[in-house]
PDB file of N, CA and C in Angstrom:
ATOM      1  N   MET A   1      -9.239 -28.480  14.668  1.00  0.00           N
ATOM      2  CA  MET A   1      -8.420 -27.744  13.762  1.00  0.00           C
ATOM      3  C   MET A   1      -9.284 -27.140  12.606  1.00  0.00           C
ATOM      4  N   ASN A   2      -8.970 -25.908  12.237  1.00  0.00           N
ATOM      5  CA  ASN A   2      -9.726 -25.187  11.178  1.00  0.00           C
ATOM      6  C   ASN A   2      -9.679 -26.001   9.990  1.00  0.00           C
ATOM      7  N   SER A   3     -10.674 -25.874   9.015  1.00  0.00           N
ATOM      8  CA  SER A   3     -10.474 -26.395   7.634  1.00  0.00           C
ATOM      9  C   SER A   3      -9.890 -25.428   6.787  1.00  0.00           C
ATOM     10  N   PHE A   4      -9.523 -25.980   5.732  1.00  0.00           N
ATOM     11  CA  PHE A   4      -8.583 -24.955   4.712  1.00  0.00           C
ATOM     12  C   PHE A   4      -9.394 -23.910   4.389  1.00  0.00           C
ATOM     13  N   SER A   5     -10.776 -24.001   4.097  1.00  0.00           N
ATOM     14  CA  SER A   5     -11.561 -22.960   3.602  1.00  0.00           C
ATOM     15  C   SER A   5     -11.789 -21.855   4.479  1.00  0.00           C
ATOM     16  N   ASN A   6     -11.531 -22.038   5.849  1.00  0.00           N
ATOM     17  CA  ASN A   6     -11.737 -21.052   6.756  1.00  0.00           C
ATOM     18  C   ASN A   6     -10.309 -20.555   7.249  1.00  0.00           C
ATOM     19  N   SER A   7      -9.226 -20.943   6.564  1.00  0.00           N
ATOM     20  CA  SER A   7      -7.880 -20.546   7.017  1.00  0.00           C
ATOM     21  C   SER A   7      -7.506 -19.138   6.526  1.00  0.00           C
ATOM     22  N   ALA A   8      -6.570 -18.507   7.069  1.00  0.00           N
ATOM     23  CA  ALA A   8      -6.184 -17.063   6.356  1.00  0.00           C
ATOM     24  C   ALA A   8      -5.471 -17.344   5.170  1.00  0.00           C
ATOM     25  N   PHE A   9      -4.830 -18.458   4.912  1.00  0.00           N
ATOM     26  CA  PHE A   9      -4.122 -18.749   3.838  1.00  0.00           C
ATOM     27  C   PHE A   9      -5.142 -18.898   2.589  1.00  0.00           C
ATOM     28  N   ALA A  10      -6.314 -19.470   2.661  1.00  0.00           N
ATOM     29  CA  ALA A  10      -7.263 -19.533   1.783  1.00  0.00           C
ATOM     30  C   ALA A  10      -7.996 -18.255   1.538  1.00  0.00           C
ATOM     31  N   ARG A  11      -8.128 -17.470   2.526  1.00  0.00           N
ATOM     32  CA  ARG A  11      -8.833 -15.952   2.398  1.00  0.00           C
ATOM     33  C   ARG A  11      -7.890 -15.130   1.599  1.00  0.00           C
ATOM     34  N   PHE A  12      -6.559 -15.197   1.669  1.00  0.00           N
ATOM     35  CA  PHE A  12      -5.519 -14.385   0.990  1.00  0.00           C
ATOM     36  C   PHE A  12      -5.874 -14.765  -0.640  1.00  0.00           C
ATOM     37  N   PHE A  13      -5.998 -16.190  -0.766  1.00  0.00           N
ATOM     38  CA  PHE A  13      -6.155 -16.284  -2.410  1.00  0.00           C
ATOM     39  C   PHE A  13      -7.460 -15.989  -2.924  1.00  0.00           C
ATOM     40  N   THR A  14      -8.502 -16.012  -2.030  1.00  0.00           N
ATOM     41  CA  THR A  14      -9.952 -15.808  -2.434  1.00  0.00           C
ATOM     42  C   THR A  14     -10.052 -14.194  -2.610  1.00  0.00           C
ATOM     43  N   GLU A  15      -9.524 -13.536  -1.836  1.00  0.00           N
ATOM     44  CA  GLU A  15      -9.434 -11.977  -1.896  1.00  0.00           C
ATOM     45  C   GLU A  15      -8.133 -11.474  -2.605  1.00  0.00           C
ATOM     46  N   PHE A  16      -7.610 -12.129  -3.449  1.00  0.00           N
ATOM     47  CA  PHE A  16      -6.313 -11.735  -4.070  1.00  0.00           C
ATOM     48  C   PHE A  16      -6.511 -10.631  -4.990  1.00  0.00           C
ATOM     49  N   PRO A  17      -7.754 -10.231  -5.629  1.00  0.00           N
ATOM     50  CA  PRO A  17      -7.696  -9.078  -6.554  1.00  0.00           C
ATOM     51  C   PRO A  17      -7.973  -7.769  -5.595  1.00  0.00           C
ATOM     52  N   LYS A  18      -8.494  -8.122  -4.393  1.00  0.00           N
ATOM     53  CA  LYS A  18      -8.523  -6.703  -3.453  1.00  0.00           C
ATOM     54  C   LYS A  18      -7.140  -6.470  -3.041  1.00  0.00           C
ATOM     55  N   LEU A  19      -6.558  -7.369  -2.706  1.00  0.00           N
ATOM     56  CA  LEU A  19      -5.094  -7.265  -2.312  1.00  0.00           C
ATOM     57  C   LEU A  19      -4.138  -6.604  -3.378  1.00  0.00           C
ATOM     58  N   LEU A  20      -4.311  -7.214  -4.528  1.00  0.00           N
ATOM     59  CA  LEU A  20      -3.668  -6.744  -5.607  1.00  0.00           C
ATOM     60  C   LEU A  20      -3.887  -5.352  -6.031  1.00  0.00           C
ATOM     61  N   LEU A  21      -5.174  -4.864  -6.028  1.00  0.00           N
ATOM     62  CA  LEU A  21      -5.488  -3.566  -6.240  1.00  0.00           C
ATOM     63  C   LEU A  21      -4.940  -2.711  -5.299  1.00  0.00           C
ATOM     64  N   ALA A  22      -4.978  -2.873  -3.811  1.00  0.00           N
ATOM     65  CA  ALA A  22      -4.623  -2.122  -2.752  1.00  0.00           C
ATOM     66  C   ALA A  22      -2.912  -1.958  -2.873  1.00  0.00           C
ATOM     67  N   GLN A  23      -2.397  -2.947  -3.375  1.00  0.00           N
ATOM     68  CA  GLN A  23      -0.807  -2.848  -3.551  1.00  0.00           C
ATOM     69  C   GLN A  23      -0.354  -1.966  -4.645  1.00  0.00           C
ATOM     70  N   LEU A  24      -1.353  -2.223  -5.616  1.00  0.00           N
ATOM     71  CA  LEU A  24      -1.140  -1.279  -6.913  1.00  0.00           C
ATOM     72  C   LEU A  24      -1.306   0.153  -6.655  1.00  0.00           C
ATOM     73  N   ILE A  25      -2.413   0.688  -5.706  1.00  0.00           N
ATOM     74  CA  ILE A  25      -2.454   1.952  -5.259  1.00  0.00           C
ATOM     75  C   ILE A  25      -1.374   2.465  -4.462  1.00  0.00           C
ATOM     76  N   ASN A  26      -0.676   1.542  -3.588  1.00  0.00           N
ATOM     77  CA  ASN A  26       0.408   1.957  -2.891  1.00  0.00           C
ATOM     78  C   ASN A  26       1.525   2.125  -3.818  1.00  0.00           C
ATOM     79  N   ALA A  27       1.806   1.349  -4.713  1.00  0.00           N
ATOM     80  CA  ALA A  27       3.107   1.344  -5.582  1.00  0.00           C
ATOM     81  C   ALA A  27       2.836   2.588  -6.357  1.00  0.00           C
ATOM     82  N   VAL A  28       1.670   2.900  -6.906  1.00  0.00           N
ATOM     83  CA  VAL A  28       1.486   4.116  -7.743  1.00  0.00           C
ATOM     84  C   VAL A  28       1.836   5.423  -6.945  1.00  0.00           C
ATOM     85  N   ALA A  29       1.523   5.412  -5.629  1.00  0.00           N
ATOM     86  CA  ALA A  29       1.494   6.616  -4.744  1.00  0.00           C
ATOM     87  C   ALA A  29       3.054   6.657  -4.431  1.00  0.00           C
ATOM     88  N   PHE A  30       3.725   5.510  -4.252  1.00  0.00           N
ATOM     89  CA  PHE A  30       5.057   5.508  -3.763  1.00  0.00           C
ATOM     90  C   PHE A  30       5.863   6.197  -5.088  1.00  0.00           C
ATOM     91  N   THR A  31       5.484   5.747  -6.299  1.00  0.00           N
ATOM     92  CA  THR A  31       6.141   6.142  -7.443  1.00  0.00           C
ATOM     93  C   THR A  31       6.042   7.478  -7.717  1.00  0.00           C
ATOM     94  N   VAL A  32       4.799   7.954  -7.598  1.00  0.00           N
ATOM     95  CA  VAL A  32       4.582   9.296  -7.942  1.00  0.00           C
ATOM     96  C   VAL A  32       5.387  10.262  -6.917  1.00  0.00           C
ATOM     97  N   PHE A  33       5.173  10.039  -5.723  1.00  0.00           N
ATOM     98  CA  PHE A  33       5.884  10.930  -4.660  1.00  0.00           C
ATOM     99  C   PHE A  33       7.427  10.897  -4.756  1.00  0.00           C
ATOM    100  N   THR A  34       7.986   9.720  -5.208  1.00  0.00           N
ATOM    101  CA  THR A  34       9.419   9.673  -5.104  1.00  0.00           C
ATOM    102  C   THR A  34       9.811  10.344  -6.461  1.00  0.00           C
ATOM    103  N   ALA A  35       9.060  10.005  -7.548  1.00  0.00           N
ATOM    104  CA  ALA A  35       9.445  10.859  -8.801  1.00  0.00           C
ATOM    105  C   ALA A  35       9.258  12.324  -8.603  1.00  0.00           C
ATOM    106  N   LEU A  36       8.425  12.690  -7.775  1.00  0.00           N
ATOM    107  CA  LEU A  36       8.248  14.250  -7.495  1.00  0.00           C
ATOM    108  C   LEU A  36       9.479  14.830  -6.829  1.00  0.00           C
ATOM    109  N   PHE A  37       9.997  13.976  -5.846  1.00  0.00           N
ATOM    110  CA  PHE A  37      11.069  14.505  -5.084  1.00  0.00           C
ATOM    111  C   PHE A  37      12.564  14.353  -5.909  1.00  0.00           C
ATOM    112  N   VAL A  38      12.545  13.498  -6.719  1.00  0.00           N
ATOM    113  CA  VAL A  38      13.780  13.114  -7.583  1.00  0.00           C
ATOM    114  C   VAL A  38      13.645  14.461  -8.484  1.00  0.00           C
ATOM    115  N   LEU A  39      12.620  14.714  -9.005  1.00  0.00           N
ATOM    116  CA  LEU A  39      12.455  15.908 -10.001  1.00  0.00           C
ATOM    117  C   LEU A  39      12.709  17.143  -9.295  1.00  0.00           C
ATOM    118  N   ILE A  40      12.321  17.423  -8.086  1.00  0.00           N
ATOM    119  CA  ILE A  40      12.718  18.473  -7.258  1.00  0.00           C
ATOM    120  C   ILE A  40      14.398  18.732  -7.012  1.00  0.00           C
ATOM    121  N   GLY A  41      14.725  17.493  -6.704  1.00  0.00           N
ATOM    122  CA  GLY A  41      16.249  17.423  -6.593  1.00  0.00           C
ATOM    123  C   GLY A  41      17.118  17.802  -7.793  1.00  0.00           C
ATOM    124  N   TYR A  42      16.477  17.334  -8.954  1.00  0.00           N
ATOM    125  CA  TYR A  42      17.308  17.651 -10.212  1.00  0.00           C
ATOM    126  C   TYR A  42      17.165  19.097 -10.573  1.00  0.00           C
ATOM    127  N   LEU A  43      15.777  19.744 -10.331  1.00  0.00           N
ATOM    128  CA  LEU A  43      15.736  21.082 -10.456  1.00  0.00           C
ATOM    129  C   LEU A  43      16.316  22.074  -9.774  1.00  0.00           C
ATOM    130  N   THR A  44      16.635  21.840  -8.442  1.00  0.00           N
ATOM    131  CA  THR A  44      17.209  22.656  -7.547  1.00  0.00           C
ATOM    132  C   THR A  44      18.778  22.401  -7.631  1.00  0.00           C
ATOM    133  N   GLY A  45      19.241  21.322  -8.289  1.00  0.00           N
ATOM    134  CA  GLY A  45      20.801  21.084  -8.385  1.00  0.00           C
ATOM    135  C   GLY A  45      21.141  20.291  -7.151  1.00  0.00           C
ATOM    136  N   PHE A  46      20.172  20.096  -6.218  1.00  0.00           N
ATOM    137  CA  PHE A  46      20.661  19.453  -4.810  1.00  0.00           C
ATOM    138  C   PHE A  46      20.250  17.902  -5.142  1.00  0.00           C
ATOM    139  N   ASN A  47      21.227  17.115  -5.891  1.00  0.00           N
ATOM    140  CA  ASN A  47      21.043  15.849  -6.180  1.00  0.00           C
ATOM    141  C   ASN A  47      21.665  14.946  -5.142  1.00  0.00           C
ATOM    142  N   ASN A  48      20.767  14.588  -4.067  1.00  0.00           N
ATOM    143  CA  ASN A  48      21.210  13.907  -2.929  1.00  0.00           C
ATOM    144  C   ASN A  48      20.194  12.787  -2.933  1.00  0.00           C
ATOM    145  N   ILE A  49      20.728  11.532  -2.150  1.00  0.00           N
ATOM    146  CA  ILE A  49      19.882  10.400  -1.964  1.00  0.00           C
ATOM    147  C   ILE A  49      18.797  10.638  -0.774  1.00  0.00           C
ATOM    148  N   ILE A  50      19.225  11.558   0.152  1.00  0.00           N
ATOM    149  CA  ILE A  50      18.412  11.950   1.035  1.00  0.00           C
ATOM    150  C   ILE A  50      17.244  12.644   0.564  1.00  0.00           C
ATOM    151  N   VAL A  51      17.214  13.551  -0.420  1.00  0.00           N
ATOM    152  CA  VAL A  51      16.361  14.220  -1.124  1.00  0.00           C
ATOM    153  C   VAL A  51      15.384  13.524  -2.024  1.00  0.00           C
ATOM    154  N   TRP A  52      15.893  12.467  -2.521  1.00  0.00           N
ATOM    155  CA  TRP A  52      15.088  11.292  -3.234  1.00  0.00           C
ATOM    156  C   TRP A  52      14.393  10.532  -2.349  1.00  0.00           C
ATOM    157  N   CYS A  53      14.917  10.211  -1.155  1.00  0.00           N
ATOM    158  CA  CYS A  53      14.076   9.178  -0.303  1.00  0.00           C
ATOM    159  C   CYS A  53      12.949   9.993   0.453  1.00  0.00           C
ATOM    160  N   LEU A  54      13.009  11.329   0.292  1.00  0.00           N
ATOM    161  CA  LEU A  54      11.966  11.992   1.019  1.00  0.00           C
ATOM    162  C   LEU A  54      10.471  11.464   0.468  1.00  0.00           C
ATOM    163  N   GLY A  55      10.583  11.038  -0.642  1.00  0.00           N
ATOM    164  CA  GLY A  55       9.279  10.754  -1.341  1.00  0.00           C
ATOM    165  C   GLY A  55       8.446   9.598  -0.379  1.00  0.00           C
ATOM    166  N   ILE A  56       9.335   8.893   0.502  1.00  0.00           N
ATOM    167  CA  ILE A  56       8.744   7.835   1.128  1.00  0.00           C
ATOM    168  C   ILE A  56       7.758   8.369   2.107  1.00  0.00           C
ATOM    169  N   ILE A  57       8.157   9.558   2.634  1.00  0.00           N
ATOM    170  CA  ILE A  57       7.345   9.992   3.733  1.00  0.00           C
ATOM    171  C   ILE A  57       5.811  10.473   3.310  1.00  0.00           C
ATOM    172  N   PRO A  58       5.581  11.037   2.303  1.00  0.00           N
ATOM    173  CA  PRO A  58       4.116  11.310   1.930  1.00  0.00           C
ATOM    174  C   PRO A  58       3.386  10.171   1.434  1.00  0.00           C
ATOM    175  N   SER A  59       4.177   8.940   1.085  1.00  0.00           N
ATOM    176  CA  SER A  59       3.280   7.722   0.473  1.00  0.00           C
ATOM    177  C   SER A  59       3.097   6.752   1.847  1.00  0.00           C
ATOM    178  N   MET A  60       3.697   6.993   2.796  1.00  0.00           N
ATOM    179  CA  MET A  60       3.436   6.335   4.057  1.00  0.00           C
ATOM    180  C   MET A  60       1.791   5.891   4.447  1.00  0.00           C
ATOM    181  N   PRO A  61       0.958   6.942   4.196  1.00  0.00           N
ATOM    182  CA  PRO A  61      -0.368   6.593   4.509  1.00  0.00           C
ATOM    183  C   PRO A  61      -0.850   5.827   3.648  1.00  0.00           C
ATOM    184  N   PHE A  62      -0.427   5.596   2.393  1.00  0.00           N
ATOM    185  CA  PHE A  62      -0.900   4.513   1.478  1.00  0.00           C
ATOM    186  C   PHE A  62      -0.671   3.300   1.964  1.00  0.00           C
ATOM    187  N   PHE A  63       0.616   3.193   2.493  1.00  0.00           N
ATOM    188  CA  PHE A  63       1.164   2.082   3.088  1.00  0.00           C
ATOM    189  C   PHE A  63       0.275   1.419   4.253  1.00  0.00           C
ATOM    190  N   ALA A  64       0.020   2.416   5.121  1.00  0.00           N
ATOM    191  CA  ALA A  64      -0.885   2.053   6.087  1.00  0.00           C
ATOM    192  C   ALA A  64      -2.197   1.657   5.726  1.00  0.00           C
ATOM    193  N   GLY A  65      -2.754   2.190   4.704  1.00  0.00           N
ATOM    194  CA  GLY A  65      -4.020   1.642   4.078  1.00  0.00           C
ATOM    195  C   GLY A  65      -3.914   0.016   3.701  1.00  0.00           C
ATOM    196  N   LEU A  66      -2.694  -0.102   3.075  1.00  0.00           N
ATOM    197  CA  LEU A  66      -2.372  -1.346   2.464  1.00  0.00           C
ATOM    198  C   LEU A  66      -2.336  -2.503   3.589  1.00  0.00           C
ATOM    199  N   VAL A  67      -1.651  -1.988   4.819  1.00  0.00           N
ATOM    200  CA  VAL A  67      -1.496  -2.820   6.177  1.00  0.00           C
ATOM    201  C   VAL A  67      -2.869  -3.134   6.494  1.00  0.00           C
ATOM    202  N   MET A  68      -3.794  -1.981   6.588  1.00  0.00           N
ATOM    203  CA  MET A  68      -5.170  -2.123   7.147  1.00  0.00           C
ATOM    204  C   MET A  68      -5.915  -3.182   6.370  1.00  0.00           C
ATOM    205  N   THR A  69      -5.705  -3.114   5.084  1.00  0.00           N
ATOM    206  CA  THR A  69      -6.545  -4.080   4.034  1.00  0.00           C
ATOM    207  C   THR A  69      -6.105  -5.320   4.510  1.00  0.00           C
ATOM    208  N   VAL A  70      -4.740  -5.881   4.471  1.00  0.00           N
ATOM    209  CA  VAL A  70      -4.310  -7.127   4.791  1.00  0.00           C
ATOM    210  C   VAL A  70      -4.712  -7.559   6.135  1.00  0.00           C
ATOM    211  N   ARG A  71      -4.692  -6.667   7.002  1.00  0.00           N
ATOM    212  CA  ARG A  71      -5.325  -7.052   8.530  1.00  0.00           C
ATOM    213  C   ARG A  71      -6.686  -7.265   8.459  1.00  0.00           C
ATOM    214  N   LYS A  72      -7.672  -6.708   7.602  1.00  0.00           N
ATOM    215  CA  LYS A  72      -8.836  -7.023   7.739  1.00  0.00           C
ATOM    216  C   LYS A  72      -9.231  -8.336   6.865  1.00  0.00           C
ATOM    217  N   ILE A  73      -8.430  -8.647   5.978  1.00  0.00           N
ATOM    218  CA  ILE A  73      -8.809  -9.793   5.178  1.00  0.00           C
ATOM    219  C   ILE A  73      -8.133 -11.027   5.963  1.00  0.00           C
ATOM    220  N   GLY A  74      -6.973 -10.947   6.626  1.00  0.00           N
ATOM    221  CA  GLY A  74      -6.273 -12.014   7.061  1.00  0.00           C
ATOM    222  C   GLY A  74      -6.564 -12.426   8.630  1.00  0.00           C
ATOM    223  N   ILE A  75      -6.819 -11.295   9.414  1.00  0.00           N
ATOM    224  CA  ILE A  75      -6.854 -11.581  10.802  1.00  0.00           C
ATOM    225  C   ILE A  75      -8.459 -11.355  11.193  1.00  0.00           C
ATOM    226  N   GLU A  76      -9.009 -10.219  10.723  1.00  0.00           N
ATOM    227  CA  GLU A  76     -10.485 -10.059  11.054  1.00  0.00           C
ATOM    228  C   GLU A  76     -11.450 -10.819  10.307  1.00  0.00           C
ATOM    229  N   LYS A  77     -10.949 -11.573   9.301  1.00  0.00           N
ATOM    230  CA  LYS A  77     -11.914 -12.208   8.362  1.00  0.00           C
ATOM    231  C   LYS A  77     -13.115 -11.648   7.850  1.00  0.00           C
ATOM    232  N   LYS A  78     -12.854 -10.416   7.488  1.00  0.00           N
ATOM    233  CA  LYS A  78     -13.816  -9.605   6.929  1.00  0.00           C
ATOM    234  C   LYS A  78     -13.365  -9.148   5.477  1.00  0.00           C
ATOM    235  N   GLY A  79     -14.490  -9.027   4.562  1.00  0.00           N
ATOM    236  CA  GLY A  79     -13.986  -8.635   3.238  1.00  0.00           C
ATOM    237  C   GLY A  79     -14.019  -7.162   3.142  1.00  0.00           C
ATOM    238  N   CYS A  80     -13.152  -6.516   2.582  1.00  0.00           N
ATOM    239  CA  CYS A  80     -13.199  -5.128   2.478  1.00  0.00           C
ATOM    240  C   CYS A  80     -12.869  -4.567   0.939  1.00  0.00           C
ATOM    241  N   THR A  81     -13.274  -3.440   0.554  1.00  0.00           N
ATOM    242  CA  THR A  81     -13.027  -3.000  -0.776  1.00  0.00           C
ATOM    243  C   THR A  81     -11.495  -2.301  -0.618  1.00  0.00           C
ATOM    244  N   GLY A  82     -10.764  -2.729  -1.742  1.00  0.00           N
ATOM    245  CA  GLY A  82      -9.355  -2.156  -1.668  1.00  0.00           C
ATOM    246  C   GLY A  82      -9.291  -0.589  -1.732  1.00  0.00           C
ATOM    247  N   CYS A  83     -10.049  -0.049  -2.658  1.00  0.00           N
ATOM    248  CA  CYS A  83      -9.762   1.447  -2.700  1.00  0.00           C
ATOM    249  C   CYS A  83     -10.400   2.239  -1.473  1.00  0.00           C
ATOM    250  N   LYS A  84     -11.533   1.639  -1.076  1.00  0.00           N
ATOM    251  CA  LYS A  84     -12.275   2.550  -0.073  1.00  0.00           C
ATOM    252  C   LYS A  84     -11.535   2.256   1.209  1.00  0.00           C
ATOM    253  N   ASN A  85     -10.956   1.181   1.461  1.00  0.00           N
ATOM    254  CA  ASN A  85     -10.189   0.900   2.731  1.00  0.00           C
ATOM    255  C   ASN A  85      -8.696   1.802   2.595  1.00  0.00           C
ATOM    256  N   ILE A  86      -8.146   1.863   1.616  1.00  0.00           N
ATOM    257  CA  ILE A  86      -6.849   2.602   1.575  1.00  0.00           C
ATOM    258  C   ILE A  86      -7.158   4.031   1.749  1.00  0.00           C
ATOM    259  N   PHE A  87      -8.092   4.564   1.153  1.00  0.00           N
ATOM    260  CA  PHE A  87      -8.360   6.055   1.296  1.00  0.00           C
ATOM    261  C   PHE A  87      -8.992   6.412   2.734  1.00  0.00           C
ATOM    262  N   ARG A  88      -9.650   5.434   3.277  1.00  0.00           N
ATOM    263  CA  ARG A  88     -10.179   5.805   4.502  1.00  0.00           C
ATOM    264  C   ARG A  88      -9.042   5.743   5.700  1.00  0.00           C
ATOM    265  N   TYR A  89      -7.941   5.098   5.494  1.00  0.00           N
ATOM    266  CA  TYR A  89      -6.841   5.179   6.528  1.00  0.00           C
ATOM    267  C   TYR A  89      -5.784   6.088   6.112  1.00  0.00           C
ATOM    268  N   SER A  90      -5.788   6.637   4.973  1.00  0.00           N
ATOM    269  CA  SER A  90      -4.611   7.530   4.585  1.00  0.00           C
ATOM    270  C   SER A  90      -4.891   8.964   4.911  1.00  0.00           C
TER     271      SER A  90
END
């Protein structure tokens, strides 16, 4: 059986600042793109939830970078830099 220091649970806590930075980048990108599409909806007068939700589409590459960061830390047991990894996969 693996010791606790080699487990994925322990790696998530030791790499927590990198995971937090990756999630922050994802959250900022999602917020910016969603706010942009809400603004477009208000300016054009087409206030519809469908237009507001279109901000999800351009923010998905940042989510993919977040998933790759979590996969590298949790499964592949490799350390990675949060910013570099997110922008590499987006």
